[in-house]
Amino acid sequence: MLSSQTRLRLQDIASRIAEHEEVSLEEMTFIQKHADHNTSAAEILRKARRKAMLGKNSEGSLDHFLADMDIGYEDPSDHLVGPQDPEDLLNWFRRKPTYDWRQRD
């Protein structure tokens, strides 16, 4: 569970990430540390990164809807596009996530 002070700091950092404003290394370390161990913090960071990637032009789009619902992965460079080799698909689904969801909260 996040304290009110921590949540406010996370939201401040996330809003600057979303607006492409300057964020220090210390602040990025702080928000990532909390995101690795708390689902609420992870959601705040994911939404900020999505907003930064989509920009303001996406209002009313399907991407904007998915971002508001916190569905899918925020990095479109990780998406599979077009015909895929079955071996590549198998390797993509077998890859290990960057975090272990069982260790959160």
N, C-alpha and C. Protein backbone atom coordinates (compact mmCIF):
# COMPACT_ATOMS: atom_id res chain seq x y z
N MET A 1 0.83 -1.17 0.00
CA MET A 1 0.00 0.00 0.00
C MET A 1 0.89 1.25 0.00
N LEU A 2 0.48 2.23 -0.78
CA LEU A 2 1.25 3.47 -0.91
C LEU A 2 0.73 4.52 0.07
N SER A 3 1.63 5.25 0.65
CA SER A 3 1.21 6.37 1.50
C SER A 3 0.75 7.51 0.59
N SER A 4 0.00 8.43 1.15
CA SER A 4 -0.49 9.58 0.36
C SER A 4 0.67 10.39 -0.20
N GLN A 5 1.69 10.57 0.60
CA GLN A 5 2.85 11.35 0.17
C GLN A 5 3.56 10.66 -1.00
N THR A 6 3.73 9.34 -0.90
CA THR A 6 4.39 8.60 -1.97
C THR A 6 3.56 8.62 -3.24
N ARG A 7 2.24 8.43 -3.11
CA ARG A 7 1.37 8.46 -4.28
C ARG A 7 1.43 9.81 -4.98
N LEU A 8 1.41 10.88 -4.21
CA LEU A 8 1.48 12.22 -4.81
C LEU A 8 2.80 12.43 -5.53
N ARG A 9 3.90 11.94 -4.95
CA ARG A 9 5.20 12.07 -5.61
C ARG A 9 5.23 11.25 -6.90
N LEU A 10 4.69 10.04 -6.85
CA LEU A 10 4.64 9.19 -8.05
C LEU A 10 3.80 9.87 -9.14
N GLN A 11 2.67 10.43 -8.77
CA GLN A 11 1.80 11.08 -9.75
C GLN A 11 2.47 12.33 -10.34
N ASP A 12 3.23 13.05 -9.53
CA ASP A 12 3.96 14.21 -10.03
C ASP A 12 5.01 13.79 -11.06
N ILE A 13 5.77 12.78 -10.73
CA ILE A 13 6.79 12.28 -11.66
C ILE A 13 6.14 11.75 -12.93
N ALA A 14 5.05 11.00 -12.77
CA ALA A 14 4.36 10.42 -13.93
C ALA A 14 3.79 11.51 -14.84
N SER A 15 3.26 12.56 -14.26
CA SER A 15 2.71 13.63 -15.10
C SER A 15 3.81 14.31 -15.92
N ARG A 16 5.00 14.43 -15.33
CA ARG A 16 6.12 15.02 -16.08
C ARG A 16 6.61 14.07 -17.18
N ILE A 17 6.57 12.76 -16.91
CA ILE A 17 6.92 11.78 -17.94
C ILE A 17 5.94 11.89 -19.11
N ALA A 18 4.66 11.96 -18.79
CA ALA A 18 3.62 12.03 -19.83
C ALA A 18 3.72 13.29 -20.67
N GLU A 19 4.18 14.38 -20.07
CA GLU A 19 4.28 15.66 -20.78
C GLU A 19 5.66 15.90 -21.37
N HIS A 20 6.53 14.90 -21.35
CA HIS A 20 7.90 15.00 -21.89
C HIS A 20 8.72 16.08 -21.20
N GLU A 21 8.47 16.28 -19.91
CA GLU A 21 9.25 17.24 -19.15
C GLU A 21 10.44 16.53 -18.50
N GLU A 22 11.36 17.31 -17.97
CA GLU A 22 12.58 16.74 -17.40
C GLU A 22 12.28 15.96 -16.11
N VAL A 23 12.84 14.76 -16.04
CA VAL A 23 12.73 13.90 -14.87
C VAL A 23 14.15 13.43 -14.54
N SER A 24 14.54 13.61 -13.29
CA SER A 24 15.91 13.24 -12.91
C SER A 24 16.06 11.73 -12.81
N LEU A 25 17.30 11.28 -12.83
CA LEU A 25 17.59 9.86 -12.68
C LEU A 25 17.10 9.35 -11.32
N GLU A 26 17.26 10.15 -10.29
CA GLU A 26 16.80 9.77 -8.96
C GLU A 26 15.28 9.54 -8.95
N GLU A 27 14.54 10.43 -9.64
CA GLU A 27 13.08 10.29 -9.70
C GLU A 27 12.68 9.06 -10.52
N MET A 28 13.39 8.80 -11.62
CA MET A 28 13.09 7.61 -12.42
C MET A 28 13.37 6.34 -11.62
N THR A 29 14.45 6.34 -10.86
CA THR A 29 14.77 5.19 -10.01
C THR A 29 13.69 5.01 -8.96
N PHE A 30 13.23 6.10 -8.38
CA PHE A 30 12.19 6.06 -7.35
C PHE A 30 10.90 5.47 -7.90
N ILE A 31 10.43 5.96 -9.05
CA ILE A 31 9.16 5.48 -9.59
C ILE A 31 9.27 4.04 -10.08
N GLN A 32 10.41 3.68 -10.67
CA GLN A 32 10.58 2.30 -11.15
C GLN A 32 10.66 1.33 -9.98
N LYS A 33 11.34 1.72 -8.90
CA LYS A 33 11.43 0.86 -7.72
C LYS A 33 10.05 0.56 -7.16
N HIS A 34 9.21 1.59 -7.08
CA HIS A 34 7.86 1.38 -6.58
C HIS A 34 7.01 0.58 -7.57
N ALA A 35 7.20 0.82 -8.86
CA ALA A 35 6.44 0.09 -9.87
C ALA A 35 6.78 -1.39 -9.87
N ASP A 36 8.01 -1.72 -9.54
CA ASP A 36 8.42 -3.13 -9.50
C ASP A 36 7.77 -3.89 -8.35
N HIS A 37 7.33 -3.18 -7.33
CA HIS A 37 6.84 -3.84 -6.13
C HIS A 37 5.39 -3.53 -5.78
N ASN A 38 4.75 -2.65 -6.54
CA ASN A 38 3.39 -2.26 -6.20
C ASN A 38 2.58 -2.07 -7.48
N THR A 39 1.42 -2.73 -7.58
CA THR A 39 0.63 -2.67 -8.81
C THR A 39 0.06 -1.28 -9.07
N SER A 40 -0.28 -0.54 -8.02
CA SER A 40 -0.80 0.82 -8.22
C SER A 40 0.27 1.72 -8.82
N ALA A 41 1.48 1.62 -8.31
CA ALA A 41 2.58 2.41 -8.85
C ALA A 41 2.90 1.99 -10.29
N ALA A 42 2.82 0.69 -10.55
CA ALA A 42 3.06 0.20 -11.91
C ALA A 42 2.02 0.74 -12.88
N GLU A 43 0.78 0.82 -12.45
CA GLU A 43 -0.29 1.36 -13.29
C GLU A 43 -0.05 2.84 -13.58
N ILE A 44 0.34 3.59 -12.57
CA ILE A 44 0.63 5.02 -12.75
C ILE A 44 1.74 5.21 -13.79
N LEU A 45 2.79 4.42 -13.69
CA LEU A 45 3.92 4.53 -14.62
C LEU A 45 3.53 4.09 -16.03
N ARG A 46 2.79 2.98 -16.14
CA ARG A 46 2.35 2.50 -17.46
C ARG A 46 1.50 3.55 -18.17
N LYS A 47 0.54 4.13 -17.46
CA LYS A 47 -0.33 5.13 -18.07
C LYS A 47 0.46 6.37 -18.51
N ALA A 48 1.44 6.77 -17.70
CA ALA A 48 2.26 7.93 -18.07
C ALA A 48 3.07 7.63 -19.33
N ARG A 49 3.65 6.45 -19.41
CA ARG A 49 4.43 6.09 -20.60
C ARG A 49 3.56 6.01 -21.84
N ARG A 50 2.35 5.45 -21.70
CA ARG A 50 1.43 5.38 -22.84
C ARG A 50 1.07 6.78 -23.31
N LYS A 51 0.75 7.65 -22.37
CA LYS A 51 0.37 9.02 -22.74
C LYS A 51 1.53 9.73 -23.44
N ALA A 52 2.74 9.48 -22.97
CA ALA A 52 3.91 10.09 -23.61
C ALA A 52 4.09 9.57 -25.02
N MET A 53 3.83 8.29 -25.25
CA MET A 53 4.00 7.71 -26.58
C MET A 53 2.88 8.12 -27.53
N LEU A 54 1.65 8.18 -27.03
CA LEU A 54 0.51 8.48 -27.90
C LEU A 54 0.40 9.96 -28.21
N GLY A 55 0.74 10.80 -27.26
CA GLY A 55 0.61 12.24 -27.47
C GLY A 55 -0.83 12.69 -27.36
N LYS A 56 -1.06 13.94 -27.64
CA LYS A 56 -2.40 14.51 -27.50
C LYS A 56 -3.26 14.28 -28.73
N ASN A 57 -2.69 13.84 -29.82
CA ASN A 57 -3.45 13.65 -31.05
C ASN A 57 -4.32 12.40 -31.03
N SER A 58 -4.17 11.58 -30.02
CA SER A 58 -4.89 10.31 -30.01
C SER A 58 -6.25 10.38 -29.33
N GLU A 59 -6.69 11.57 -28.89
CA GLU A 59 -7.98 11.70 -28.22
C GLU A 59 -9.08 11.09 -29.08
N GLY A 60 -9.88 10.21 -28.48
CA GLY A 60 -10.99 9.58 -29.20
C GLY A 60 -10.61 8.37 -30.02
N SER A 61 -9.34 8.02 -30.06
CA SER A 61 -8.91 6.87 -30.86
C SER A 61 -8.99 5.58 -30.04
N LEU A 62 -8.87 4.47 -30.71
CA LEU A 62 -8.86 3.17 -30.04
C LEU A 62 -7.64 3.06 -29.13
N ASP A 63 -6.51 3.57 -29.57
CA ASP A 63 -5.31 3.55 -28.72
C ASP A 63 -5.54 4.32 -27.43
N HIS A 64 -6.22 5.44 -27.53
CA HIS A 64 -6.52 6.23 -26.34
C HIS A 64 -7.45 5.46 -25.40
N PHE A 65 -8.45 4.79 -25.96
CA PHE A 65 -9.36 3.97 -25.16
C PHE A 65 -8.60 2.85 -24.44
N LEU A 66 -7.74 2.15 -25.17
CA LEU A 66 -6.96 1.08 -24.56
C LEU A 66 -6.04 1.61 -23.46
N ALA A 67 -5.47 2.78 -23.67
CA ALA A 67 -4.62 3.38 -22.64
C ALA A 67 -5.42 3.74 -21.40
N ASP A 68 -6.61 4.29 -21.58
CA ASP A 68 -7.47 4.62 -20.44
C ASP A 68 -7.90 3.38 -19.67
N MET A 69 -8.10 2.29 -20.38
CA MET A 69 -8.52 1.04 -19.74
C MET A 69 -7.33 0.26 -19.20
N ASP A 70 -6.12 0.72 -19.48
CA ASP A 70 -4.88 0.06 -19.06
C ASP A 70 -4.83 -1.37 -19.60
N ILE A 71 -5.13 -1.49 -20.89
CA ILE A 71 -5.13 -2.79 -21.56
C ILE A 71 -3.95 -2.84 -22.52
N GLY A 72 -3.26 -3.95 -22.54
CA GLY A 72 -2.16 -4.14 -23.47
C GLY A 72 -0.86 -3.58 -22.94
N TYR A 73 0.14 -3.68 -23.78
CA TYR A 73 1.48 -3.24 -23.40
C TYR A 73 1.72 -1.85 -23.97
N GLU A 74 2.37 -0.99 -23.21
CA GLU A 74 2.51 0.40 -23.61
C GLU A 74 3.51 0.65 -24.72
N ASP A 75 4.39 -0.29 -25.01
CA ASP A 75 5.43 -0.08 -26.01
C ASP A 75 5.06 -0.75 -27.33
N PRO A 76 4.62 0.02 -28.35
CA PRO A 76 4.22 -0.59 -29.61
C PRO A 76 5.36 -1.25 -30.37
N SER A 77 6.61 -0.95 -30.04
CA SER A 77 7.72 -1.61 -30.73
C SER A 77 7.81 -3.08 -30.35
N ASP A 78 7.10 -3.48 -29.29
CA ASP A 78 7.10 -4.86 -28.84
C ASP A 78 5.98 -5.68 -29.48
N HIS A 79 5.12 -5.03 -30.26
CA HIS A 79 4.00 -5.72 -30.88
C HIS A 79 4.46 -6.52 -32.10
N LEU A 80 3.80 -7.64 -32.33
CA LEU A 80 4.07 -8.43 -33.54
C LEU A 80 3.18 -7.92 -34.66
N VAL A 81 3.77 -7.65 -35.82
CA VAL A 81 3.03 -7.11 -36.95
C VAL A 81 3.30 -7.96 -38.18
N GLY A 82 2.26 -8.25 -38.94
CA GLY A 82 2.40 -8.98 -40.20
C GLY A 82 2.62 -10.46 -40.00
N PRO A 83 2.83 -11.18 -41.12
CA PRO A 83 3.05 -12.63 -41.05
C PRO A 83 4.30 -12.93 -40.22
N GLN A 84 4.21 -13.97 -39.42
CA GLN A 84 5.31 -14.32 -38.55
C GLN A 84 5.74 -15.77 -38.79
N ASP A 85 7.00 -15.99 -38.65
CA ASP A 85 7.54 -17.34 -38.69
C ASP A 85 7.07 -18.07 -37.42
N PRO A 86 6.57 -19.29 -37.53
CA PRO A 86 6.09 -20.01 -36.34
C PRO A 86 7.15 -20.12 -35.23
N GLU A 87 8.41 -20.27 -35.60
CA GLU A 87 9.48 -20.35 -34.59
C GLU A 87 9.62 -19.02 -33.85
N ASP A 88 9.51 -17.91 -34.58
CA ASP A 88 9.60 -16.59 -33.95
C ASP A 88 8.43 -16.38 -32.98
N LEU A 89 7.24 -16.81 -33.40
CA LEU A 89 6.07 -16.69 -32.52
C LEU A 89 6.26 -17.52 -31.25
N LEU A 90 6.75 -18.71 -31.40
CA LEU A 90 6.98 -19.58 -30.26
C LEU A 90 7.98 -18.95 -29.29
N ASN A 91 9.06 -18.41 -29.83
CA ASN A 91 10.06 -17.76 -28.99
C ASN A 91 9.51 -16.51 -28.31
N TRP A 92 8.66 -15.77 -29.02
CA TRP A 92 8.08 -14.56 -28.45
C TRP A 92 7.19 -14.90 -27.25
N PHE A 93 6.38 -15.96 -27.36
CA PHE A 93 5.50 -16.34 -26.26
C PHE A 93 6.24 -17.03 -25.12
N ARG A 94 7.39 -17.58 -25.39
CA ARG A 94 8.17 -18.25 -24.35
C ARG A 94 9.07 -17.31 -23.57
N ARG A 95 9.23 -16.09 -24.05
CA ARG A 95 10.13 -15.16 -23.39
C ARG A 95 9.66 -14.90 -21.96
N LYS A 96 10.61 -14.55 -21.14
CA LYS A 96 10.30 -14.29 -19.73
C LYS A 96 9.94 -12.82 -19.57
N PRO A 97 8.93 -12.52 -18.75
CA PRO A 97 8.59 -11.12 -18.51
C PRO A 97 9.72 -10.41 -17.77
N THR A 98 9.71 -9.09 -17.85
CA THR A 98 10.76 -8.31 -17.20
C THR A 98 10.58 -8.24 -15.69
N TYR A 99 9.43 -8.68 -15.20
CA TYR A 99 9.19 -8.70 -13.77
C TYR A 99 8.44 -9.98 -13.42
N ASP A 100 8.47 -10.36 -12.19
CA ASP A 100 7.74 -11.52 -11.72
C ASP A 100 6.49 -11.05 -11.01
N TRP A 101 5.33 -11.23 -11.62
CA TRP A 101 4.07 -10.72 -11.08
C TRP A 101 3.75 -11.33 -9.71
N ARG A 102 4.33 -12.48 -9.38
CA ARG A 102 4.03 -13.11 -8.08
C ARG A 102 4.71 -12.37 -6.94
N GLN A 103 5.65 -11.52 -7.23
CA GLN A 103 6.39 -10.84 -6.18
C GLN A 103 5.84 -9.45 -5.87
N ARG A 104 4.78 -9.07 -6.54
CA ARG A 104 4.19 -7.75 -6.32
C ARG A 104 3.26 -7.77 -5.12
N ASP A 105 3.09 -6.63 -4.52
CA ASP A 105 2.18 -6.38 -3.40
C ASP A 105 2.33 -7.44 -2.37
